[in-house]
C-alpha atoms as a PDB file:
ATOM      1  CA  MET A   1      36.365 111.980 -85.742  1.00  0.00           C
ATOM      2  CA  GLY A   2      37.874 108.663 -84.642  1.00  0.00           C
ATOM      3  CA  ASP A   3      39.091 105.896 -86.926  1.00  0.00           C
ATOM      4  CA  LYS A   4      36.165 103.635 -85.990  1.00  0.00           C
ATOM      5  CA  SER A   5      33.656 106.280 -87.058  1.00  0.00           C
ATOM      6  CA  LEU A   6      35.536 106.968 -90.288  1.00  0.00           C
ATOM      7  CA  LYS A   7      35.408 103.290 -91.262  1.00  0.00           C
ATOM      8  CA  ARG A   8      31.646 103.039 -90.819  1.00  0.00           C
ATOM      9  CA  ARG A   9      30.213 102.320 -94.266  1.00  0.00           C
ATOM     10  CA  LEU A  10      27.429 104.384 -95.768  1.00  0.00           C
ATOM     11  CA  ARG A  11      25.491 103.860 -98.973  1.00  0.00           C
ATOM     12  CA  PRO A  12      24.879 106.621-101.552  1.00  0.00           C
ATOM     13  CA  VAL A  13      21.241 106.700-100.461  1.00  0.00           C
ATOM     14  CA  ASP A  14      22.326 107.403 -96.868  1.00  0.00           C
ATOM     15  CA  LEU A  15      24.098 110.583 -97.990  1.00  0.00           C
ATOM     16  CA  ALA A  16      21.368 111.543-100.449  1.00  0.00           C
ATOM     17  CA  ARG A  17      18.470 111.165 -98.033  1.00  0.00           C
ATOM     18  CA  GLU A  18      19.861 113.718 -95.554  1.00  0.00           C
ATOM     19  CA  HIS A  19      19.679 116.497 -98.152  1.00  0.00           C
ATOM     20  CA  GLY A  20      16.779 115.373-100.327  1.00  0.00           C
ATOM     21  CA  LEU A  21      19.122 114.553-103.195  1.00  0.00           C
ATOM     22  CA  SER A  22      19.105 111.706-105.647  1.00  0.00           C
ATOM     23  CA  THR A  23      21.745 109.027-105.336  1.00  0.00           C
ATOM     24  CA  GLN A  24      22.889 109.968-108.833  1.00  0.00           C
ATOM     25  CA  ALA A  25      23.576 113.511-107.620  1.00  0.00           C
ATOM     26  CA  VAL A  26      25.790 112.126-104.851  1.00  0.00           C
ATOM     27  CA  ARG A  27      27.684 110.004-107.359  1.00  0.00           C
ATOM     28  CA  ASN A  28      28.040 113.005-109.668  1.00  0.00           C
ATOM     29  CA  TYR A  29      29.445 115.119-106.836  1.00  0.00           C
ATOM     30  CA  GLU A  30      32.000 112.432-106.072  1.00  0.00           C
ATOM     31  CA  GLU A  31      33.022 112.156-109.720  1.00  0.00           C
ATOM     32  CA  ALA A  32      33.388 115.942-109.855  1.00  0.00           C
ATOM     33  CA  GLY A  33      35.773 115.846-106.888  1.00  0.00           C
ATOM     34  CA  PHE A  34      33.455 117.552-104.407  1.00  0.00           C
ATOM     35  CA  LEU A  35      33.696 114.397-102.275  1.00  0.00           C
ATOM     36  CA  PRO A  36      36.821 112.274-101.757  1.00  0.00           C
ATOM     37  CA  PRO A  37      36.954 109.116-103.900  1.00  0.00           C
ATOM     38  CA  ALA A  38      34.891 106.309-102.419  1.00  0.00           C
ATOM     39  CA  GLU A  39      36.127 102.804-101.913  1.00  0.00           C
ATOM     40  CA  ARG A  40      34.474 100.135-104.048  1.00  0.00           C
ATOM     41  CA  SER A  41      33.205  96.710-103.055  1.00  0.00           C
ATOM     42  CA  PRO A  42      34.262  93.638-105.076  1.00  0.00           C
ATOM     43  CA  HIS A  43      30.987  94.111-107.002  1.00  0.00           C
ATOM     44  CA  GLY A  44      31.746  97.771-107.772  1.00  0.00           C
ATOM     45  CA  TYR A  45      29.372  99.353-105.232  1.00  0.00           C
ATOM     46  CA  ARG A  46      30.485 102.604-103.634  1.00  0.00           C
ATOM     47  CA  ALA A  47      31.201 102.540 -99.917  1.00  0.00           C
ATOM     48  CA  TYR A  48      31.063 105.977 -98.316  1.00  0.00           C
ATOM     49  CA  THR A  49      32.080 106.974 -94.787  1.00  0.00           C
ATOM     50  CA  PRO A  50      31.078 109.779 -92.393  1.00  0.00           C
ATOM     51  CA  LEU A  51      33.927 111.782 -93.943  1.00  0.00           C
ATOM     52  CA  HIS A  52      32.107 111.702 -97.292  1.00  0.00           C
ATOM     53  CA  ALA A  53      28.908 112.785 -95.557  1.00  0.00           C
ATOM     54  CA  ALA A  54      30.825 115.706 -94.005  1.00  0.00           C
ATOM     55  CA  ALA A  55      32.226 116.637 -97.426  1.00  0.00           C
ATOM     56  CA  LEU A  56      28.742 116.688 -98.923  1.00  0.00           C
ATOM     57  CA  ARG A  57      27.416 118.844 -96.092  1.00  0.00           C
ATOM     58  CA  THR A  58      30.354 121.211 -96.559  1.00  0.00           C
ATOM     59  CA  PHE A  59      29.833 121.545-100.302  1.00  0.00           C
ATOM     60  CA  LEU A  60      26.121 122.252 -99.884  1.00  0.00           C
ATOM     61  CA  ALA A  61      26.896 124.805 -97.141  1.00  0.00           C
ATOM     62  CA  LEU A  62      29.328 126.617 -99.453  1.00  0.00           C
ATOM     63  CA  VAL A  63      26.938 126.856-102.421  1.00  0.00           C
ATOM     64  CA  PRO A  64      24.604 129.644-101.110  1.00  0.00           C
ATOM     65  CA  GLY A  65      27.475 132.059-100.516  1.00  0.00           C
ATOM     66  CA  HIS A  66      29.907 131.141-103.271  1.00  0.00           C
ATOM     67  CA  GLY A  67      27.758 129.624-105.999  1.00  0.00           C
ATOM     68  CA  HIS A  68      27.921 126.083-107.337  1.00  0.00           C
ATOM     69  CA  ALA A  69      31.073 126.498-109.445  1.00  0.00           C
ATOM     70  CA  THR A  70      33.219 128.142-106.771  1.00  0.00           C
ATOM     71  CA  ALA A  71      31.946 125.820-104.036  1.00  0.00           C
ATOM     72  CA  GLY A  72      32.909 122.858-106.208  1.00  0.00           C
ATOM     73  CA  ALA A  73      36.342 124.331-106.914  1.00  0.00           C
ATOM     74  CA  VAL A  74      36.906 124.863-103.182  1.00  0.00           C
ATOM     75  CA  MET A  75      36.051 121.241-102.411  1.00  0.00           C
ATOM     76  CA  ARG A  76      38.238 119.927-105.237  1.00  0.00           C
ATOM     77  CA  ALA A  77      41.138 121.964-103.891  1.00  0.00           C
ATOM     78  CA  VAL A  78      40.615 120.764-100.327  1.00  0.00           C
ATOM     79  CA  ASN A  79      40.183 117.130-101.313  1.00  0.00           C
ATOM     80  CA  GLY A  80      43.226 117.421-103.541  1.00  0.00           C
ATOM     81  CA  GLY A  81      45.371 118.694-100.700  1.00  0.00           C
ATOM     82  CA  THR A  82      45.740 122.290-101.936  1.00  0.00           C
ATOM     83  CA  VAL A  83      44.086 124.150 -99.077  1.00  0.00           C
ATOM     84  CA  GLU A  84      45.836 127.382-100.071  1.00  0.00           C
ATOM     85  CA  GLU A  85      43.955 127.384-103.396  1.00  0.00           C
ATOM     86  CA  ALA A  86      40.678 126.831-101.561  1.00  0.00           C
ATOM     87  CA  LEU A  87      41.405 129.798 -99.302  1.00  0.00           C
ATOM     88  CA  ARG A  88      42.268 131.948-102.321  1.00  0.00           C
ATOM     89  CA  LEU A  89      38.891 131.164-103.862  1.00  0.00           C
ATOM     90  CA  ILE A  90      37.144 131.997-100.593  1.00  0.00           C
ATOM     91  CA  ASP A  91      39.047 135.293-100.359  1.00  0.00           C
ATOM     92  CA  ALA A  92      37.887 136.151-103.885  1.00  0.00           C
ATOM     93  CA  SER A  93      34.236 135.609-102.922  1.00  0.00           C
ATOM     94  CA  HIS A  94      34.615 137.875 -99.901  1.00  0.00           C
ATOM     95  CA  ALA A  95      36.345 140.501-102.051  1.00  0.00           C
ATOM     96  CA  LEU A  96      33.464 140.367-104.546  1.00  0.00           C
ATOM     97  CA  LEU A  97      30.950 140.842-101.740  1.00  0.00           C
ATOM     98  CA  ALA A  98      32.933 143.831-100.455  1.00  0.00           C
ATOM     99  CA  GLU A  99      32.973 145.342-103.957  1.00  0.00           C
ATOM    100  CA  ASP A 100      29.219 144.828-104.284  1.00  0.00           C
ATOM    101  CA  ARG A 101      28.737 146.583-100.946  1.00  0.00           C
ATOM    102  CA  ARG A 102      30.839 149.528-102.138  1.00  0.00           C
ATOM    103  CA  THR A 103      28.766 149.707-105.316  1.00  0.00           C
ATOM    104  CA  LEU A 104      25.541 149.709-103.328  1.00  0.00           C
ATOM    105  CA  GLU A 105      26.841 152.445-101.051  1.00  0.00           C
ATOM    106  CA  SER A 106      27.930 154.516-104.063  1.00  0.00           C
ATOM    107  CA  VAL A 107      24.525 154.167-105.719  1.00  0.00           C
ATOM    108  CA  ALA A 108      22.700 155.060-102.505  1.00  0.00           C
ATOM    109  CA  LEU A 109      24.966 158.098-102.016  1.00  0.00           C
ATOM    110  CA  ALA A 110      24.563 159.171-105.620  1.00  0.00           C
ATOM    111  CA  LEU A 111      20.769 158.961-105.365  1.00  0.00           C
ATOM    112  CA  ARG A 112      20.820 160.918-102.112  1.00  0.00           C
ATOM    113  CA  ASP A 113      22.891 163.698-103.660  1.00  0.00           C
ATOM    114  CA  LEU A 114      20.997 163.721-106.939  1.00  0.00           C
ATOM    115  CA  GLU A 115      19.997 167.237-107.925  1.00  0.00           C
ATOM    116  CA  PRO A 116      16.342 167.900-108.685  1.00  0.00           C
ATOM    117  CA  VAL A 117      15.602 167.731-112.386  1.00  0.00           C
ATOM    118  CA  GLU A 118      13.767 170.715-113.793  1.00  0.00           C
ATOM    119  CA  GLU A 119      12.131 170.999-117.181  1.00  0.00           C
ATOM    120  CA  GLN A 120      14.100 173.719-118.905  1.00  0.00           C
ATOM    121  CA  GLY A 121      16.106 174.510-122.003  1.00  0.00           C
ATOM    122  CA  THR A 122      14.306 174.055-125.319  1.00  0.00           C
ATOM    123  CA  GLU A 123      10.670 174.521-126.162  1.00  0.00           C
ATOM    124  CA  GLN A 124      10.257 170.769-125.722  1.00  0.00           C
ATOM    125  CA  GLY A 125      11.338 171.009-122.052  1.00  0.00           C
ATOM    126  CA  GLY A 126      14.810 169.537-122.516  1.00  0.00           C
ATOM    127  CA  LEU A 127      18.429 170.559-122.591  1.00  0.00           C
ATOM    128  CA  LEU A 128      20.752 170.703-125.553  1.00  0.00           C
ATOM    129  CA  ILE A 129      24.045 168.875-125.222  1.00  0.00           C
ATOM    130  CA  GLY A 130      26.061 172.039-124.600  1.00  0.00           C
ATOM    131  CA  HIS A 131      23.708 173.222-121.857  1.00  0.00           C
ATOM    132  CA  LEU A 132      23.739 169.833-120.129  1.00  0.00           C
ATOM    133  CA  ALA A 133      27.508 169.499-120.398  1.00  0.00           C
ATOM    134  CA  HIS A 134      27.905 172.942-118.807  1.00  0.00           C
ATOM    135  CA  ARG A 135      25.493 172.059-116.006  1.00  0.00           C
ATOM    136  CA  LEU A 136      27.398 168.831-115.232  1.00  0.00           C
ATOM    137  CA  GLY A 137      30.849 170.331-115.627  1.00  0.00           C
ATOM    138  CA  LEU A 138      31.644 167.915-118.447  1.00  0.00           C
ATOM    139  CA  ARG A 139      32.659 168.152-122.079  1.00  0.00           C
ATOM    140  CA  PRO A 140      30.042 167.431-124.745  1.00  0.00           C
ATOM    141  CA  ALA A 141      32.354 164.663-125.972  1.00  0.00           C
ATOM    142  CA  THR A 142      31.852 162.864-122.650  1.00  0.00           C
ATOM    143  CA  LEU A 143      28.086 162.897-123.118  1.00  0.00           C
ATOM    144  CA  ARG A 144      28.512 161.546-126.642  1.00  0.00           C
ATOM    145  CA  LYS A 145      30.698 158.759-125.233  1.00  0.00           C
ATOM    146  CA  TRP A 146      28.017 157.954-122.659  1.00  0.00           C
ATOM    147  CA  GLU A 147      25.452 157.865-125.451  1.00  0.00           C
ATOM    148  CA  THR A 148      27.575 155.383-127.411  1.00  0.00           C
ATOM    149  CA  ALA A 149      27.879 153.240-124.271  1.00  0.00           C
ATOM    150  CA  GLY A 150      24.100 153.314-123.831  1.00  0.00           C
ATOM    151  CA  LEU A 151      24.194 155.222-120.540  1.00  0.00           C
ATOM    152  CA  VAL A 152      22.301 158.366-121.528  1.00  0.00           C
ATOM    153  CA  VAL A 153      20.517 158.330-124.874  1.00  0.00           C
ATOM    154  CA  PRO A 154      18.879 161.666-125.755  1.00  0.00           C
ATOM    155  CA  GLY A 155      16.042 162.305-128.129  1.00  0.00           C
ATOM    156  CA  ARG A 156      16.380 164.416-131.249  1.00  0.00           C
ATOM    157  CA  ASP A 157      14.729 167.677-132.134  1.00  0.00           C
ATOM    158  CA  ARG A 158      12.612 166.856-135.192  1.00  0.00           C
ATOM    159  CA  ARG A 159      13.321 170.210-136.792  1.00  0.00           C
ATOM    160  CA  THR A 160      17.049 170.664-136.159  1.00  0.00           C
ATOM    161  CA  GLY A 161      18.224 167.126-135.388  1.00  0.00           C
ATOM    162  CA  TYR A 162      19.981 168.387-132.262  1.00  0.00           C
ATOM    163  CA  ARG A 163      20.252 166.122-129.243  1.00  0.00           C
ATOM    164  CA  VAL A 164      17.612 166.939-126.629  1.00  0.00           C
ATOM    165  CA  TYR A 165      17.921 165.676-123.040  1.00  0.00           C
ATOM    166  CA  GLY A 166      14.569 165.423-121.300  1.00  0.00           C
ATOM    167  CA  PRO A 167      14.091 165.110-117.528  1.00  0.00           C
ATOM    168  CA  ALA A 168      14.724 161.349-117.496  1.00  0.00           C
ATOM    169  CA  GLN A 169      17.946 161.699-119.486  1.00  0.00           C
ATOM    170  CA  VAL A 170      19.114 164.591-117.307  1.00  0.00           C
ATOM    171  CA  ARG A 171      18.491 162.439-114.228  1.00  0.00           C
ATOM    172  CA  ASP A 172      20.468 159.569-115.762  1.00  0.00           C
ATOM    173  CA  ALA A 173      23.324 161.928-116.663  1.00  0.00           C
ATOM    174  CA  LEU A 174      23.437 163.314-113.135  1.00  0.00           C
ATOM    175  CA  LEU A 175      23.511 159.827-111.675  1.00  0.00           C
ATOM    176  CA  ALA A 176      26.175 158.702-114.163  1.00  0.00           C
ATOM    177  CA  ARG A 177      28.344 161.666-113.179  1.00  0.00           C
ATOM    178  CA  GLN A 178      28.021 160.788-109.483  1.00  0.00           C
ATOM    179  CA  LEU A 179      28.938 157.166-110.096  1.00  0.00           C
ATOM    180  CA  ARG A 180      31.880 158.066-112.335  1.00  0.00           C
ATOM    181  CA  ARG A 181      33.186 160.245-109.528  1.00  0.00           C
ATOM    182  CA  GLY A 182      32.957 157.173-107.338  1.00  0.00           C
ATOM    183  CA  GLY A 183      35.271 155.312-109.703  1.00  0.00           C
ATOM    184  CA  HIS A 184      32.719 153.018-111.347  1.00  0.00           C
ATOM    185  CA  GLY A 185      33.113 151.863-114.924  1.00  0.00           C
ATOM    186  CA  LEU A 186      30.703 152.547-117.762  1.00  0.00           C
ATOM    187  CA  GLU A 187      29.383 148.967-117.914  1.00  0.00           C
ATOM    188  CA  GLN A 188      28.617 148.980-114.198  1.00  0.00           C
ATOM    189  CA  ILE A 189      26.922 152.375-114.448  1.00  0.00           C
ATOM    190  CA  ALA A 190      24.849 151.157-117.395  1.00  0.00           C
ATOM    191  CA  LEU A 191      23.484 148.330-115.240  1.00  0.00           C
ATOM    192  CA  VAL A 192      22.573 150.752-112.450  1.00  0.00           C
ATOM    193  CA  LEU A 193      20.840 153.144-114.846  1.00  0.00           C
ATOM    194  CA  GLU A 194      18.892 150.242-116.315  1.00  0.00           C
ATOM    195  CA  GLN A 195      17.683 149.440-112.787  1.00  0.00           C
ATOM    196  CA  VAL A 196      16.640 153.069-112.335  1.00  0.00           C
ATOM    197  CA  ARG A 197      14.681 153.026-115.577  1.00  0.00           C
ATOM    198  CA  THR A 198      13.099 149.658-114.771  1.00  0.00           C
ATOM    199  CA  ALA A 199      12.094 150.885-111.328  1.00  0.00           C
ATOM    200  CA  GLY A 200      10.483 153.959-112.875  1.00  0.00           C
ATOM    201  CA  GLY A 201      12.850 156.540-111.443  1.00  0.00           C
ATOM    202  CA  ALA A 202      15.259 157.249-108.624  1.00  0.00           C
ATOM    203  CA  GLU A 203      12.694 157.306-105.804  1.00  0.00           C
ATOM    204  CA  PRO A 204      11.172 153.864-106.533  1.00  0.00           C
ATOM    205  CA  LEU A 205      14.725 152.522-106.769  1.00  0.00           C
ATOM    206  CA  GLN A 206      15.138 153.082-103.016  1.00  0.00           C
ATOM    207  CA  ALA A 207      13.022 149.981-102.383  1.00  0.00           C
ATOM    208  CA  ALA A 208      15.188 148.047-104.827  1.00  0.00           C
ATOM    209  CA  LEU A 209      18.289 149.222-102.975  1.00  0.00           C
ATOM    210  CA  ALA A 210      16.842 147.948 -99.695  1.00  0.00           C
ATOM    211  CA  GLU A 211      16.212 144.581-101.342  1.00  0.00           C
ATOM    212  CA  TRP A 212      19.742 144.624-102.772  1.00  0.00           C
ATOM    213  CA  ASN A 213      21.132 145.302 -99.303  1.00  0.00           C
ATOM    214  CA  GLY A 214      19.104 142.394 -97.935  1.00  0.00           C
ATOM    215  CA  ARG A 215      20.572 140.064-100.549  1.00  0.00           C
ATOM    216  CA  LEU A 216      24.106 141.174 -99.678  1.00  0.00           C
ATOM    217  CA  THR A 217      23.436 140.577 -95.996  1.00  0.00           C
ATOM    218  CA  ALA A 218      22.102 137.101 -96.742  1.00  0.00           C
ATOM    219  CA  ARG A 219      25.148 136.382 -98.882  1.00  0.00           C
ATOM    220  CA  GLY A 220      27.474 137.532 -96.121  1.00  0.00           C
ATOM    221  CA  ARG A 221      25.798 135.235 -93.624  1.00  0.00           C
ATOM    222  CA  ALA A 222      25.938 132.372 -96.121  1.00  0.00           C
ATOM    223  CA  LEU A 223      29.677 132.932 -96.510  1.00  0.00           C
ATOM    224  CA  LEU A 224      30.047 132.700 -92.737  1.00  0.00           C
ATOM    225  CA  ALA A 225      28.026 129.483 -92.608  1.00  0.00           C
ATOM    226  CA  GLY A 226      30.099 128.013 -95.419  1.00  0.00           C
ATOM    227  CA  ALA A 227      33.333 128.991 -93.679  1.00  0.00           C
ATOM    228  CA  ALA A 228      32.205 127.293 -90.469  1.00  0.00           C
ATOM    229  CA  ALA A 229      31.340 124.100 -92.340  1.00  0.00           C
ATOM    230  CA  LEU A 230      34.651 124.133 -94.214  1.00  0.00           C
ATOM    231  CA  HIS A 231      36.607 124.696 -91.014  1.00  0.00           C
ATOM    232  CA  ALA A 232      34.910 121.674 -89.435  1.00  0.00           C
ATOM    233  CA  TYR A 233      35.645 119.571 -92.520  1.00  0.00           C
ATOM    234  CA  LEU A 234      39.313 120.579 -92.486  1.00  0.00           C
ATOM    235  CA  GLU A 235      39.469 119.548 -88.843  1.00  0.00           C
ATOM    236  CA  GLU A 236      38.134 116.117 -89.811  1.00  0.00           C
ATOM    237  CA  LEU A 237      40.715 115.855 -92.558  1.00  0.00           C
ATOM    238  CA  GLY A 238      43.375 116.734 -90.041  1.00  0.00           C
ATOM    239  CA  GLY A 239      44.206 119.982 -91.863  1.00  0.00           C
END
């Protein structure tokens, strides 16, 4: 953008109107460092330029893919002259998306390979901890650890007090084993199992997985759009 264009003065309302924002929001973004500092008139009024308008467009383009906080940090880094820090933040967002994709793939694979759950074991149609541990190739202590972590919480036999794993708990234990083999931590597995229980089982979760995949795709495209906007802004800055 040429020097003449850069010197063209814009009011806060000119920037705000393009995006349906309030003028106070524009001023807040400037104060937060998302926009370069504006020049002030002798009466204290802000005077923006097309460069500020480009900065605002860039910030708003980054938000859908990176979130408000990271998008703001990227713009502060760029406007502060530390482009390398901005690129590091962008790399971290892409790495997080890649990790989320791996998690989704692991969950989908684990559900695909999930063994059918049969009602067997005790008179109540469940398995005792030793039987389930043997079936999964685990130690009973592992199942107790999973219970403490809230992954698989069995019922109790009213007469003996023994742990009893019904079909739903057996399903959760099978899924937890698959995900642990995939290298996922207990907290992450707990979130997945909660989704399974909320969905009403493994089969209904397939629709949730499709929705999850759609969100990841949208996030990936948003990251691309944000990168394109940032590249254009860096060109205007001469970086």
